[in-house]
Amino acid sequence: MKKKVDIALSTDPMKDLQEIIDYAKSVQNFADLLHCDVMDGKFVKNKTYDYKFVKVINAQTLLPLDVHLMTEEPLDRLEEYIKSGANILTVHYEAFKNKNQILQAISYIKSKGVLAGLSFKPSTTINDIKSFLFYPDIVLLMSVEPGKSGQEFMDETFEKVSQLNKFKKDNCLNFKIEIDGGINDKNAPILNELGADILVSGSFVYKSPDRGKAVKLLKNKA
C-alpha cells in the first residue's frame, strides 16, 4: 500500500558553494528536506564542505536539513553539526572502528533534540547492522557507493529495503527508511511500495528543466 513519501534533495551534484545556496532557495517550496552531503576526502574520495557551510546553508533556506556525514570517526564533530542547524544527523556504520561508539553517537544526537540517522554502504548487509537498528530515528540505505553523484541505482537495494521493512515491522520499530542514490521516477514507486519513507534525489531533480515538476513526479509516481 502506497504511503506518503518525502523527497530530500541532495547538494552533491553541485561543486560550487554559491550554487548550493541558490539551489536550496529555489527548491524550498516543493522539496521536503535538503540533503547535505558532507564528505571529508577520507571516508570517501571526494571532499565537499563542513559544519561551517552547513550553518550558512541553514541561514539561507527554510528547508529542514538532512545532514549526511560521509566522514571518518564522526563522534567528535557531532556537536558542530548540531549547532549548525542539522534537523537530521546521519552517521555511517562503516565510519567507526569501534562499533560501540555508534550507539554513543546516536544517543548523543537524540539527546540534543535532533533526529539520529544510521547509514550503511551497499556492501554492508542488514544482518551486519541488525543489532543497531533498535536505536536510530532514520535508517539510510545507500543504493550506490557513497561519494559520487550520478551513479546508477543498484537493483539489489530492493531486496534490502524489503528486509529492512520486515525487520522494522517484526520488532515494532518506528525508524524511517531513507534511500540515497540513483533515485528516479522508475524506481521510486517500487521503493515506496517496499516501505521507503524518504527518497534522496540528486541528479534526477537537479538536471531536470523543471525541478518542481520532477519532485512532484517522484511524489506522484511514488
Protein backbone atom coordinates (compact mmCIF):
# COMPACT_ATOMS: atom_id res chain seq x y z
CA MET A 1 0.00 0.00 0.00
CA LYS A 2 1.37 3.39 -1.01
CA LYS A 3 2.04 5.97 1.66
CA LYS A 4 3.36 9.50 1.74
CA VAL A 5 6.99 9.71 0.74
CA ASP A 6 9.25 12.67 1.49
CA ILE A 7 11.75 13.93 -1.08
CA ALA A 8 15.15 15.09 0.15
CA LEU A 9 17.15 16.96 -2.48
CA SER A 10 20.88 16.35 -2.40
CA THR A 11 23.55 19.03 -2.60
CA ASP A 12 26.00 16.52 -4.09
CA PRO A 13 25.61 17.33 -7.83
CA MET A 14 26.92 20.84 -7.14
CA LYS A 15 30.54 21.72 -6.51
CA ASP A 16 30.19 25.49 -6.19
CA LEU A 17 29.09 26.64 -2.75
CA GLN A 18 27.12 29.61 -4.04
CA GLU A 19 25.25 27.28 -6.38
CA ILE A 20 24.24 25.15 -3.41
CA ILE A 21 22.75 28.18 -1.68
CA ASP A 22 20.91 29.23 -4.86
CA TYR A 23 19.64 25.68 -5.32
CA ALA A 24 18.47 25.47 -1.69
CA LYS A 25 16.47 28.66 -2.12
CA SER A 26 14.98 27.53 -5.43
CA VAL A 27 13.68 24.17 -4.18
CA GLN A 28 12.37 25.10 -0.74
CA ASN A 29 8.77 25.47 -1.92
CA PHE A 30 8.40 21.89 -3.15
CA ALA A 31 11.06 19.68 -1.54
CA ASP A 32 10.65 18.26 1.98
CA LEU A 33 14.29 18.23 3.04
CA LEU A 34 17.69 19.41 1.86
CA HIS A 35 20.15 16.52 1.97
CA CYS A 36 23.57 17.93 2.86
CA ASP A 37 26.28 15.56 1.68
CA VAL A 38 29.29 16.18 3.89
CA MET A 39 32.43 14.37 2.64
CA ASP A 40 35.87 14.59 4.22
CA GLY A 41 38.01 13.15 1.40
CA LYS A 42 38.95 10.23 3.67
CA PHE A 43 35.84 8.11 4.23
CA VAL A 44 35.07 8.76 0.55
CA LYS A 45 37.42 10.15 -2.12
CA ASN A 46 35.51 13.36 -2.71
CA LYS A 47 35.58 16.32 -0.34
CA THR A 48 32.73 18.82 -0.08
CA TYR A 49 32.16 21.13 2.88
CA ASP A 50 31.99 21.07 6.67
CA TYR A 51 29.79 22.32 9.51
CA LYS A 52 30.67 25.97 8.82
CA PHE A 53 28.95 25.85 5.45
CA VAL A 54 26.04 23.82 6.81
CA LYS A 55 25.43 26.81 9.07
CA VAL A 56 25.45 29.12 6.04
CA ILE A 57 23.01 26.85 4.18
CA ASN A 58 20.73 26.79 7.22
CA ALA A 59 20.59 30.57 7.23
CA GLN A 60 19.66 30.67 3.55
CA THR A 61 16.81 28.15 3.27
CA LEU A 62 13.60 27.27 5.09
CA LEU A 63 14.06 23.56 4.37
CA PRO A 64 14.92 21.20 7.23
CA LEU A 65 18.50 19.97 6.86
CA ASP A 66 19.16 16.26 6.46
CA VAL A 67 22.91 16.17 7.14
CA HIS A 68 24.66 13.01 5.93
CA LEU A 69 28.18 12.64 7.35
CA MET A 70 30.39 10.64 4.99
CA THR A 71 33.35 11.20 7.30
CA GLU A 72 35.74 9.07 9.31
CA GLU A 73 35.24 8.81 13.08
CA PRO A 74 32.49 11.47 13.27
CA LEU A 75 31.82 11.26 17.01
CA ASP A 76 33.93 14.29 17.96
CA ARG A 77 32.26 16.52 15.34
CA LEU A 78 28.59 15.86 16.06
CA GLU A 79 28.11 18.93 18.26
CA GLU A 80 29.40 21.22 15.49
CA TYR A 81 26.81 19.96 13.01
CA ILE A 82 24.00 20.09 15.55
CA LYS A 83 24.84 23.71 16.36
CA SER A 84 24.99 24.45 12.62
CA GLY A 85 21.31 23.58 12.24
CA ALA A 86 21.02 19.90 11.35
CA ASN A 87 17.47 18.58 11.80
CA ILE A 88 18.57 15.05 10.92
CA LEU A 89 22.18 13.99 11.52
CA THR A 90 23.27 10.70 10.00
CA VAL A 91 26.50 8.79 10.63
CA HIS A 92 27.86 5.79 8.74
CA TYR A 93 28.15 2.34 10.27
CA GLU A 94 31.45 1.82 8.45
CA ALA A 95 32.97 5.09 9.74
CA PHE A 96 33.51 3.68 13.24
CA LYS A 97 36.39 1.35 14.00
CA ASN A 98 34.88 0.87 17.45
CA LYS A 99 31.27 -0.11 16.73
CA ASN A 100 30.27 0.59 20.33
CA GLN A 101 30.68 4.28 19.53
CA ILE A 102 27.77 4.06 17.07
CA LEU A 103 25.29 3.84 19.94
CA GLN A 104 27.15 6.62 21.73
CA ALA A 105 26.79 8.83 18.65
CA ILE A 106 23.10 8.04 18.17
CA SER A 107 22.36 8.67 21.84
CA TYR A 108 24.20 11.99 21.80
CA ILE A 109 22.39 13.24 18.67
CA LYS A 110 18.99 12.33 20.11
CA SER A 111 19.81 13.96 23.44
CA LYS A 112 20.16 17.27 21.60
CA GLY A 113 16.68 17.03 20.09
CA VAL A 114 17.94 16.12 16.62
CA LEU A 115 16.82 13.05 14.66
CA ALA A 116 19.61 10.47 14.56
CA GLY A 117 20.32 8.54 11.40
CA LEU A 118 22.44 5.46 10.73
CA SER A 119 23.63 4.82 7.18
CA PHE A 120 25.36 1.87 5.58
CA LYS A 121 27.08 1.10 2.28
CA PRO A 122 25.79 -1.37 -0.35
CA SER A 123 28.41 -3.94 0.75
CA THR A 124 27.06 -3.95 4.32
CA THR A 125 24.18 -6.35 4.91
CA ILE A 126 21.06 -5.93 7.03
CA ASN A 127 22.38 -8.73 9.20
CA ASP A 128 25.60 -6.74 9.83
CA ILE A 129 23.70 -3.79 11.32
CA LYS A 130 20.75 -5.65 12.84
CA SER A 131 21.76 -5.07 16.46
CA PHE A 132 21.95 -1.30 15.87
CA LEU A 133 18.51 -0.91 14.27
CA PHE A 134 16.70 -0.54 17.59
CA TYR A 135 18.14 2.93 18.22
CA PRO A 136 18.11 5.37 15.24
CA ASP A 137 15.22 7.54 14.07
CA ILE A 138 16.30 7.16 10.43
CA VAL A 139 18.00 4.26 8.66
CA LEU A 140 19.68 5.47 5.47
CA LEU A 141 20.31 2.73 2.94
CA MET A 142 22.83 3.62 0.22
CA SER A 143 21.71 2.39 -3.20
CA VAL A 144 25.01 3.48 -4.79
CA GLU A 145 28.57 3.68 -3.48
CA PRO A 146 28.75 6.84 -1.36
CA GLY A 147 30.81 9.78 -2.51
CA LYS A 148 29.88 10.40 -6.13
CA SER A 149 26.71 11.76 -7.72
CA GLY A 150 25.14 10.39 -10.91
CA GLN A 151 25.65 6.65 -10.30
CA GLU A 152 23.08 4.10 -11.38
CA PHE A 153 20.76 2.61 -8.78
CA MET A 154 21.75 -0.87 -7.59
CA ASP A 155 18.82 -3.24 -8.08
CA GLU A 156 19.81 -5.38 -5.08
CA THR A 157 18.63 -2.43 -2.99
CA PHE A 158 15.02 -3.53 -3.49
CA GLU A 159 15.61 -6.73 -1.53
CA LYS A 160 17.45 -4.83 1.21
CA VAL A 161 14.57 -2.39 1.63
CA SER A 162 12.18 -5.32 1.88
CA GLN A 163 14.35 -6.98 4.53
CA LEU A 164 14.71 -3.73 6.45
CA ASN A 165 10.98 -3.07 6.43
CA LYS A 166 10.25 -6.63 7.59
CA PHE A 167 12.72 -6.27 10.47
CA LYS A 168 11.12 -2.97 11.40
CA LYS A 169 7.62 -4.44 11.47
CA ASP A 170 8.63 -7.68 13.19
CA ASN A 171 10.23 -5.71 16.01
CA CYS A 172 7.60 -2.93 16.20
CA LEU A 173 10.18 -0.24 15.45
CA ASN A 174 9.42 3.29 14.27
CA PHE A 175 12.51 4.34 12.32
CA LYS A 176 12.02 5.86 8.89
CA ILE A 177 13.64 4.18 5.91
CA GLU A 178 15.62 6.54 3.67
CA ILE A 179 17.16 5.58 0.31
CA ASP A 180 20.03 7.51 -1.27
CA GLY A 181 21.45 7.10 -4.77
CA GLY A 182 20.16 6.79 -8.32
CA ILE A 183 16.56 7.60 -7.44
CA ASN A 184 14.29 8.29 -10.43
CA ASP A 185 10.65 8.07 -11.46
CA LYS A 186 11.05 4.37 -12.35
CA ASN A 187 12.40 3.01 -9.07
CA ALA A 188 10.67 5.49 -6.74
CA PRO A 189 7.25 3.79 -6.81
CA ILE A 190 8.81 0.38 -6.18
CA LEU A 191 10.79 1.66 -3.22
CA ASN A 192 7.69 3.30 -1.81
CA GLU A 193 5.73 0.06 -2.08
CA LEU A 194 8.53 -1.78 -0.29
CA GLY A 195 8.44 0.63 2.66
CA ALA A 196 10.66 3.64 1.92
CA ASP A 197 9.70 6.84 3.74
CA ILE A 198 12.31 9.27 2.37
CA LEU A 199 13.91 9.29 -1.09
CA VAL A 200 17.08 11.30 -1.70
CA SER A 201 17.26 12.75 -5.19
CA GLY A 202 20.41 14.21 -6.68
CA SER A 203 20.82 14.28 -10.45
CA PHE A 204 17.22 13.40 -11.32
CA VAL A 205 15.84 16.66 -9.91
CA TYR A 206 18.97 18.79 -10.28
CA LYS A 207 19.28 18.14 -14.03
CA SER A 208 15.56 18.49 -14.70
CA PRO A 209 14.46 21.59 -16.66
CA ASP A 210 11.53 21.87 -14.24
CA ARG A 211 12.68 20.85 -10.77
CA GLY A 212 9.32 21.37 -9.13
CA LYS A 213 7.69 19.08 -11.67
CA ALA A 214 10.44 16.50 -11.15
CA VAL A 215 9.81 16.42 -7.38
CA LYS A 216 6.08 16.18 -7.98
CA LEU A 217 6.71 13.32 -10.39
CA LEU A 218 8.65 11.42 -7.73
CA LYS A 219 5.92 12.03 -5.19
CA ASN A 220 3.05 11.14 -7.54
CA LYS A 221 4.77 8.10 -9.00
CA ALA A 222 5.81 7.08 -5.53
